[in-house]
N, C-alpha and C. Protein backbone atom coordinates (compact mmCIF):
# COMPACT_ATOMS: atom_id res chain seq x y z
N UNK A 1 197.70 131.45 8.05
CA UNK A 1 197.46 130.49 8.97
C UNK A 1 196.68 129.15 8.70
N UNK A 2 196.91 128.33 9.16
CA UNK A 2 196.22 126.91 8.97
C UNK A 2 195.10 126.72 9.46
N UNK A 3 194.46 125.96 8.89
CA UNK A 3 193.08 125.69 9.35
C UNK A 3 192.66 125.15 10.62
N UNK A 4 192.06 125.29 11.37
CA UNK A 4 191.94 124.86 12.77
C UNK A 4 190.68 124.04 12.82
N UNK A 5 190.67 122.73 13.40
CA UNK A 5 189.52 121.92 13.57
C UNK A 5 189.73 121.59 14.78
N UNK A 6 188.60 121.66 15.57
CA UNK A 6 188.19 121.05 16.80
C UNK A 6 186.90 120.39 16.94
N UNK A 7 187.04 119.34 17.97
CA UNK A 7 185.62 118.87 18.33
C UNK A 7 185.66 118.58 19.80
N UNK A 8 184.41 118.84 20.39
CA UNK A 8 184.21 118.66 21.81
C UNK A 8 182.95 118.15 22.00
N UNK A 9 182.90 117.60 23.22
CA UNK A 9 181.71 116.53 23.68
C UNK A 9 181.49 116.89 25.09
N UNK A 10 180.29 117.01 25.50
CA UNK A 10 180.25 117.04 26.75
C UNK A 10 178.74 116.46 27.08
N UNK A 11 178.55 115.86 28.36
CA UNK A 11 177.05 115.55 28.72
C UNK A 11 176.52 116.67 29.66
N UNK A 12 175.54 117.28 29.38
CA UNK A 12 174.76 118.27 30.12
C UNK A 12 173.65 117.49 30.77
N UNK A 13 173.57 117.85 31.92
CA UNK A 13 172.37 117.24 32.93
C UNK A 13 171.12 118.19 32.84
N UNK A 14 170.69 118.22 31.62
CA UNK A 14 169.20 118.84 31.32
C UNK A 14 168.80 118.06 30.04
N UNK A 15 167.32 118.36 29.76
CA UNK A 15 166.90 117.89 28.51
C UNK A 15 167.34 118.66 27.35
N UNK A 16 167.19 117.99 26.23
CA UNK A 16 167.44 118.47 24.86
C UNK A 16 166.90 119.92 24.44
N UNK A 17 165.60 119.97 25.15
CA UNK A 17 164.80 121.31 24.49
C UNK A 17 165.63 122.31 25.45
N UNK A 18 165.92 121.98 26.64
CA UNK A 18 166.47 123.26 27.43
C UNK A 18 168.03 123.55 26.87
N UNK A 19 168.72 122.50 26.45
CA UNK A 19 169.88 123.04 25.77
C UNK A 19 169.78 123.54 24.62
N UNK A 20 168.89 122.98 23.76
CA UNK A 20 168.58 123.74 22.46
C UNK A 20 168.19 125.19 22.43
N UNK A 21 167.40 125.54 23.46
CA UNK A 21 166.70 126.98 23.99
C UNK A 21 168.11 127.77 24.16
N UNK A 22 168.76 127.38 25.15
CA UNK A 22 169.91 128.03 25.56
C UNK A 22 171.08 128.23 24.34
N UNK A 23 171.35 127.13 23.84
CA UNK A 23 172.20 127.28 22.55
C UNK A 23 171.79 128.18 21.59
N UNK A 24 170.59 128.12 21.18
CA UNK A 24 170.06 129.30 20.02
C UNK A 24 169.73 130.53 20.72
N UNK A 25 169.85 130.85 21.81
CA UNK A 25 169.38 132.15 22.57
C UNK A 25 170.83 133.12 22.59
N UNK A 26 171.51 133.36 21.04
CA UNK A 26 172.59 133.90 20.96
C UNK A 26 172.88 135.22 21.64
N UNK A 27 171.87 135.97 21.75
CA UNK A 27 171.99 137.41 22.64
C UNK A 27 172.47 137.19 24.03
N UNK A 28 171.97 135.98 24.51
CA UNK A 28 172.35 136.01 26.04
C UNK A 28 173.80 135.27 26.31
N UNK A 29 174.43 134.82 25.21
CA UNK A 29 175.90 134.29 25.47
C UNK A 29 176.77 135.40 26.27
N UNK A 30 176.73 136.64 25.99
CA UNK A 30 177.70 137.27 26.89
C UNK A 30 177.41 137.34 28.36
N UNK A 31 176.34 136.74 28.71
CA UNK A 31 175.83 136.96 30.09
C UNK A 31 176.66 135.55 30.87
N UNK A 32 176.73 134.53 30.28
CA UNK A 32 177.47 133.49 30.72
C UNK A 32 178.76 133.25 30.52
N UNK A 33 179.37 133.69 29.48
CA UNK A 33 180.64 133.39 28.70
C UNK A 33 181.67 134.46 29.15
N UNK A 34 182.76 133.90 29.61
CA UNK A 34 183.96 134.83 29.93
C UNK A 34 184.52 135.36 28.64
N UNK A 35 184.57 134.57 27.38
CA UNK A 35 185.18 135.16 26.14
C UNK A 35 184.17 135.93 25.20
N UNK A 36 182.91 135.28 25.16
CA UNK A 36 182.17 136.39 24.30
C UNK A 36 181.66 137.50 24.92
N UNK A 37 182.00 138.67 24.25
CA UNK A 37 181.63 139.92 24.62
C UNK A 37 180.45 140.36 24.14
N UNK A 38 180.10 140.37 23.06
CA UNK A 38 178.82 140.72 22.54
C UNK A 38 178.30 139.71 21.23
N UNK A 39 177.15 139.75 21.15
CA UNK A 39 176.27 139.01 19.96
C UNK A 39 175.15 139.88 19.62
N UNK A 40 174.98 140.16 18.41
CA UNK A 40 174.07 141.16 17.91
C UNK A 40 173.60 140.59 16.58
N UNK A 41 172.30 140.91 16.41
CA UNK A 41 171.66 140.43 14.95
C UNK A 41 172.47 140.96 13.95
N UNK A 42 172.73 140.51 12.72
CA UNK A 42 173.39 141.14 11.90
C UNK A 42 172.24 141.06 10.66
N UNK A 43 172.78 141.87 9.32
CA UNK A 43 171.76 141.69 8.23
C UNK A 43 171.31 140.18 8.10
N UNK A 44 172.42 139.29 7.83
CA UNK A 44 172.14 137.86 7.71
C UNK A 44 173.05 137.14 8.94
N UNK A 45 172.16 136.58 9.80
CA UNK A 45 172.77 135.68 11.23
C UNK A 45 173.10 136.86 11.99
N UNK A 46 174.09 136.49 12.66
CA UNK A 46 174.75 137.22 14.14
C UNK A 46 176.01 137.54 14.03
N UNK A 47 176.19 138.60 14.67
CA UNK A 47 177.65 139.34 14.78
C UNK A 47 178.08 138.77 16.10
N UNK A 48 179.22 138.16 16.38
CA UNK A 48 179.93 137.50 17.49
C UNK A 48 181.14 138.42 17.75
N UNK A 49 181.48 138.88 18.99
CA UNK A 49 182.86 139.48 19.31
C UNK A 49 183.20 139.03 20.41
N UNK A 50 184.49 138.13 20.39
CA UNK A 50 185.21 137.49 21.45
C UNK A 50 186.43 138.04 21.84
N UNK A 51 186.83 138.08 22.94
CA UNK A 51 188.12 138.07 23.38
C UNK A 51 189.09 137.47 22.75
N UNK A 52 189.97 137.92 22.03
CA UNK A 52 191.16 137.32 21.38
C UNK A 52 192.40 137.45 22.03
N UNK A 53 193.46 137.34 21.29
CA UNK A 53 194.78 137.76 21.74
C UNK A 53 194.81 139.21 22.04
N UNK A 54 195.54 139.64 23.09
CA UNK A 54 195.47 141.01 23.25
C UNK A 54 196.22 141.90 22.32
N UNK A 55 195.68 143.00 21.85
CA UNK A 55 194.43 143.74 22.23
C UNK A 55 193.59 143.48 21.31
N UNK A 56 193.71 142.26 20.59
CA UNK A 56 192.75 142.25 19.21
C UNK A 56 191.48 141.21 19.63
N UNK A 57 190.42 141.67 19.39
CA UNK A 57 189.25 140.85 19.68
C UNK A 57 188.79 139.95 18.33
N UNK A 58 188.43 138.99 18.51
CA UNK A 58 187.75 138.14 17.44
C UNK A 58 186.60 138.41 16.96
N UNK A 59 186.16 138.75 15.60
CA UNK A 59 184.97 139.19 15.07
C UNK A 59 184.42 138.35 14.02
N UNK A 60 183.33 137.67 14.14
CA UNK A 60 182.98 136.71 13.11
C UNK A 60 181.41 136.92 12.91
N UNK A 61 180.83 136.95 11.80
CA UNK A 61 179.42 136.79 11.58
C UNK A 61 178.97 135.37 10.71
N UNK A 62 177.93 134.88 11.50
CA UNK A 62 177.58 133.54 11.23
C UNK A 62 176.24 133.25 10.85
N UNK A 63 175.98 132.46 10.00
CA UNK A 63 174.57 132.35 9.59
C UNK A 63 174.17 130.70 9.65
N UNK A 64 173.04 130.63 9.97
CA UNK A 64 172.58 129.08 10.13
C UNK A 64 172.26 128.41 8.54
N UNK A 65 172.89 127.23 8.54
CA UNK A 65 172.87 126.67 6.89
C UNK A 65 172.04 125.39 7.16
N UNK A 66 171.68 125.14 8.22
CA UNK A 66 170.87 123.88 8.47
C UNK A 66 170.56 123.80 9.93
N UNK A 67 169.00 123.93 10.24
CA UNK A 67 168.52 123.99 11.48
C UNK A 67 167.63 122.82 11.68
N UNK A 68 167.85 121.84 12.65
CA UNK A 68 166.64 120.83 12.76
C UNK A 68 166.43 120.73 14.20
N UNK A 69 165.46 121.73 14.84
CA UNK A 69 165.54 121.89 16.10
C UNK A 69 164.59 120.53 16.81
N UNK A 70 165.07 120.30 17.83
CA UNK A 70 165.87 120.71 18.99
C UNK A 70 167.18 119.66 18.81
N UNK A 71 167.61 119.27 17.75
CA UNK A 71 168.73 118.23 17.75
C UNK A 71 170.03 118.72 16.89
N UNK A 72 169.94 119.61 15.99
CA UNK A 72 171.04 119.68 15.05
C UNK A 72 170.84 121.23 14.60
N UNK A 73 172.46 121.99 14.62
CA UNK A 73 172.82 123.34 14.08
C UNK A 73 173.77 123.22 13.52
N UNK A 74 173.71 123.81 12.02
CA UNK A 74 174.99 123.74 11.30
C UNK A 74 175.18 125.66 11.04
N UNK A 75 176.37 125.94 10.90
CA UNK A 75 176.49 127.44 10.62
C UNK A 75 177.75 127.45 9.73
N UNK A 76 177.78 128.79 9.13
CA UNK A 76 179.15 129.13 8.54
C UNK A 76 179.09 130.76 8.49
N UNK A 77 180.36 131.34 8.18
CA UNK A 77 180.53 132.69 8.22
C UNK A 77 179.61 133.31 6.92
N UNK A 78 179.42 134.44 7.02
CA UNK A 78 178.55 134.95 6.13
C UNK A 78 179.32 135.66 5.15
N UNK A 79 179.61 135.19 3.89
CA UNK A 79 180.38 135.67 2.96
C UNK A 79 180.20 137.36 2.88
N UNK A 80 181.35 137.89 2.69
CA UNK A 80 181.21 139.37 2.42
C UNK A 80 181.24 140.04 3.89
N UNK A 81 181.08 139.47 4.78
CA UNK A 81 180.82 140.38 6.20
C UNK A 81 182.21 140.49 6.64
N UNK A 82 182.45 141.40 7.43
CA UNK A 82 183.81 141.52 8.07
C UNK A 82 184.17 140.54 9.34
N UNK A 83 185.16 139.93 8.99
CA UNK A 83 185.61 138.64 10.13
C UNK A 83 187.20 138.86 10.34
N UNK A 84 187.48 138.44 11.34
CA UNK A 84 188.71 137.97 11.93
C UNK A 84 188.84 136.57 11.92
N UNK A 85 187.94 135.74 11.85
CA UNK A 85 187.82 134.47 11.70
C UNK A 85 186.91 133.89 10.86
N UNK A 86 187.17 133.19 9.84
CA UNK A 86 186.20 132.45 9.09
C UNK A 86 185.74 131.24 9.68
N UNK A 87 184.38 130.87 9.69
CA UNK A 87 184.17 129.71 10.68
C UNK A 87 183.10 128.87 9.76
N UNK A 88 182.82 127.68 9.99
CA UNK A 88 181.81 126.56 9.62
C UNK A 88 181.86 125.62 10.81
N UNK A 89 180.85 124.86 11.00
CA UNK A 89 180.68 123.65 11.93
C UNK A 89 179.33 123.54 12.25
N UNK A 90 179.23 122.49 13.44
CA UNK A 90 177.81 122.02 13.59
C UNK A 90 177.58 121.86 14.94
N UNK A 91 176.49 121.75 15.73
CA UNK A 91 176.30 121.23 16.86
C UNK A 91 175.13 120.16 17.14
N UNK A 92 175.51 119.03 17.64
CA UNK A 92 174.47 117.99 17.50
C UNK A 92 174.34 117.58 19.00
N UNK A 93 172.73 117.54 19.33
CA UNK A 93 172.52 117.23 20.41
C UNK A 93 171.51 115.91 20.47
N UNK A 94 172.07 114.97 21.51
CA UNK A 94 171.41 113.67 21.78
C UNK A 94 171.03 113.29 22.96
N UNK A 95 169.63 112.77 23.11
CA UNK A 95 169.45 112.56 24.55
C UNK A 95 170.13 111.17 25.09
N UNK A 96 170.59 111.31 26.44
CA UNK A 96 171.09 110.24 27.10
C UNK A 96 170.57 109.81 28.31
N UNK A 97 170.66 108.84 29.09
CA UNK A 97 169.86 108.94 30.45
C UNK A 97 170.37 109.90 31.36
N UNK A 98 171.74 110.39 31.14
CA UNK A 98 172.33 111.49 32.08
C UNK A 98 171.80 112.71 31.68
N UNK A 99 171.30 112.90 30.63
CA UNK A 99 170.75 114.22 30.18
C UNK A 99 170.93 114.29 28.43
N UNK A 100 171.86 115.32 28.05
CA UNK A 100 171.98 115.70 26.59
C UNK A 100 173.51 115.59 26.28
N UNK A 101 173.60 114.73 25.45
CA UNK A 101 175.08 114.76 24.84
C UNK A 101 175.23 115.95 23.72
N UNK A 102 176.09 116.75 24.23
CA UNK A 102 176.35 117.74 23.05
C UNK A 102 177.65 117.67 22.40
N UNK A 103 177.74 117.62 20.95
CA UNK A 103 178.84 117.46 20.33
C UNK A 103 179.13 118.58 19.23
N UNK A 104 180.18 119.38 19.46
CA UNK A 104 180.50 120.33 18.76
C UNK A 104 181.64 120.24 17.87
N UNK A 105 181.45 120.59 16.29
CA UNK A 105 182.57 120.28 15.56
C UNK A 105 182.92 121.60 14.91
N UNK A 106 183.92 122.32 15.05
CA UNK A 106 184.30 123.79 14.70
C UNK A 106 185.51 123.56 13.76
N UNK A 107 185.44 124.46 12.67
CA UNK A 107 186.72 124.85 11.81
C UNK A 107 186.47 126.27 11.64
N UNK A 108 187.89 126.68 11.71
CA UNK A 108 187.98 128.29 11.46
C UNK A 108 189.47 128.56 11.10
N UNK A 109 189.47 129.59 10.56
CA UNK A 109 190.71 130.08 9.61
C UNK A 109 190.85 131.48 10.01
N UNK A 110 191.81 132.09 10.83
CA UNK A 110 192.03 133.54 10.92
C UNK A 110 191.89 134.15 9.71
N UNK A 111 191.41 135.33 9.86
CA UNK A 111 191.23 136.17 8.10
C UNK A 111 191.43 137.75 9.01
N UNK A 112 192.37 138.25 9.32
CA UNK A 112 192.35 139.56 9.78
C UNK A 112 192.84 140.19 8.62
N UNK A 113 192.45 141.53 8.69
CA UNK A 113 192.58 142.81 7.77
C UNK A 113 194.23 142.91 7.21
N UNK A 114 194.84 142.68 8.46
CA UNK A 114 196.42 142.86 8.27
C UNK A 114 197.11 141.49 8.39
N UNK A 115 197.96 141.36 7.27
CA UNK A 115 199.01 139.93 7.31
C UNK A 115 199.85 140.05 8.63
N UNK A 116 200.15 141.21 8.96
CA UNK A 116 201.11 141.17 10.15
C UNK A 116 200.24 140.72 11.61
N UNK A 117 199.00 141.05 11.70
CA UNK A 117 198.02 140.62 12.77
C UNK A 117 197.84 139.12 12.48
N UNK A 118 197.74 138.79 11.07
CA UNK A 118 197.38 137.17 10.94
C UNK A 118 198.55 136.42 11.37
N UNK A 119 199.66 137.03 11.22
CA UNK A 119 200.81 136.28 11.59
C UNK A 119 201.16 136.24 13.24
N UNK A 120 200.75 137.42 13.60
CA UNK A 120 200.92 137.44 15.28
C UNK A 120 199.89 136.52 15.85
N UNK A 121 198.69 136.53 15.24
CA UNK A 121 197.57 135.60 15.95
C UNK A 121 198.03 134.13 15.71
N UNK A 122 198.86 133.83 14.82
CA UNK A 122 199.41 132.48 14.39
C UNK A 122 200.43 132.22 15.67
N UNK A 123 201.33 132.92 15.83
CA UNK A 123 202.40 132.65 16.86
C UNK A 123 201.69 132.56 18.20
N UNK A 124 200.74 133.68 18.59
CA UNK A 124 199.92 133.67 19.78
C UNK A 124 199.28 132.35 20.08
N UNK A 125 198.56 131.94 19.10
CA UNK A 125 197.85 130.56 19.19
C UNK A 125 198.69 129.46 19.31
N UNK A 126 199.93 129.42 18.87
CA UNK A 126 200.84 128.32 19.13
C UNK A 126 201.38 128.35 20.22
N UNK A 127 201.55 129.59 21.02
CA UNK A 127 202.22 129.71 22.27
C UNK A 127 201.18 129.56 23.42
N UNK A 128 199.90 129.82 23.27
CA UNK A 128 199.18 129.81 24.17
C UNK A 128 197.78 129.07 24.14
N UNK A 129 197.86 128.43 22.85
CA UNK A 129 196.54 127.23 22.75
C UNK A 129 195.34 128.07 22.59
N UNK A 130 195.23 129.09 21.85
CA UNK A 130 194.17 129.69 21.29
C UNK A 130 194.05 129.22 20.02
N UNK A 131 192.77 129.15 19.57
CA UNK A 131 191.38 129.16 20.26
C UNK A 131 191.20 128.08 20.91
N UNK A 132 191.69 127.08 20.64
CA UNK A 132 191.25 125.73 21.54
C UNK A 132 190.92 126.12 22.83
N UNK A 133 191.61 127.00 23.71
CA UNK A 133 191.02 127.39 25.03
C UNK A 133 189.77 127.98 25.00
N UNK A 134 189.58 128.80 24.07
CA UNK A 134 188.37 129.74 24.08
C UNK A 134 187.30 128.88 23.92
N UNK A 135 187.19 127.74 23.13
CA UNK A 135 186.24 126.95 22.58
C UNK A 135 185.92 126.07 23.83
N UNK A 136 187.17 125.69 24.51
CA UNK A 136 187.00 124.59 25.67
C UNK A 136 186.32 125.40 26.77
N UNK A 137 186.78 126.36 27.04
CA UNK A 137 186.31 127.25 28.20
C UNK A 137 184.81 127.65 28.01
N UNK A 138 184.25 128.11 26.76
CA UNK A 138 183.19 128.30 26.48
C UNK A 138 182.09 127.40 26.74
N UNK A 139 182.55 126.13 26.23
CA UNK A 139 181.76 125.02 26.41
C UNK A 139 181.56 124.43 27.52
N UNK A 140 182.37 124.66 28.64
CA UNK A 140 182.31 124.35 29.76
C UNK A 140 181.44 125.27 30.54
N UNK A 141 181.45 126.70 30.18
CA UNK A 141 180.65 127.59 30.74
C UNK A 141 179.24 127.51 30.32
N UNK A 142 178.88 126.96 28.75
CA UNK A 142 177.66 126.59 28.56
C UNK A 142 176.91 125.47 29.05
N UNK A 143 177.96 124.61 29.69
CA UNK A 143 177.55 123.47 30.35
C UNK A 143 176.99 123.72 31.72
N UNK A 144 177.80 124.64 32.43
CA UNK A 144 177.33 124.80 33.65
C UNK A 144 176.01 126.07 33.74
N UNK A 145 176.04 126.82 32.76
CA UNK A 145 174.89 127.64 32.60
C UNK A 145 173.55 127.01 32.42
N UNK A 146 173.62 126.06 31.52
CA UNK A 146 172.31 125.08 31.04
C UNK A 146 172.02 124.36 32.38
N UNK A 147 172.99 123.71 33.01
CA UNK A 147 172.57 122.60 34.12
C UNK A 147 172.10 123.44 35.40
N UNK A 148 172.39 124.84 35.46
CA UNK A 148 172.13 125.80 36.48
C UNK A 148 170.51 126.28 36.32
N UNK A 149 170.23 126.35 34.87
CA UNK A 149 168.98 126.72 34.47
C UNK A 149 168.14 125.71 34.65
N UNK A 150 168.40 124.34 34.38
CA UNK A 150 167.63 122.97 34.44
C UNK A 150 167.21 122.74 35.67
N UNK A 151 168.33 123.00 36.82
CA UNK A 151 168.04 122.67 38.19
C UNK A 151 167.07 123.84 38.81
N UNK A 152 167.22 124.98 38.39
CA UNK A 152 166.31 125.90 38.64
C UNK A 152 164.88 125.62 38.52
N UNK A 153 164.85 125.07 37.14
CA UNK A 153 163.34 125.01 36.55
C UNK A 153 162.75 123.62 37.33
N UNK A 154 163.53 122.69 37.71
CA UNK A 154 162.98 121.42 38.52
C UNK A 154 162.86 121.87 39.94
N UNK A 155 163.39 122.90 40.36
CA UNK A 155 163.23 123.08 41.93
C UNK A 155 161.78 123.66 42.42
């Protein structure tokens, strides 16, 4: 399957530090995300499980390759770990008068154990816009989650 490259940007009405804390608190992602089912600490990095094309979930283990709190985080899939999608990417946070500009760059290539499932995933992605939809919805949910946190903190 071809490499997927996605880039998203959003302005979140919250300070950079608040956005960074929520972004790097991976264990809480399932509490605010429709797609992320679980996030657990792995030997190296974190193991993410997301709802994918029915009935297959997407599983990946990612580790930080560059971390500059509270402004920049880069990651990649852990080599040798079981994956359904190999990923690399980065997140940049920049203060703005409106809050924090979050820019996400994501690259991924499905990597299922079965070539048949790989092919089915490719067809499903073409027909239904996955994983673009998964990434877009997750970013929108993250924005709403952080803005609610910031609003509660300032009340």
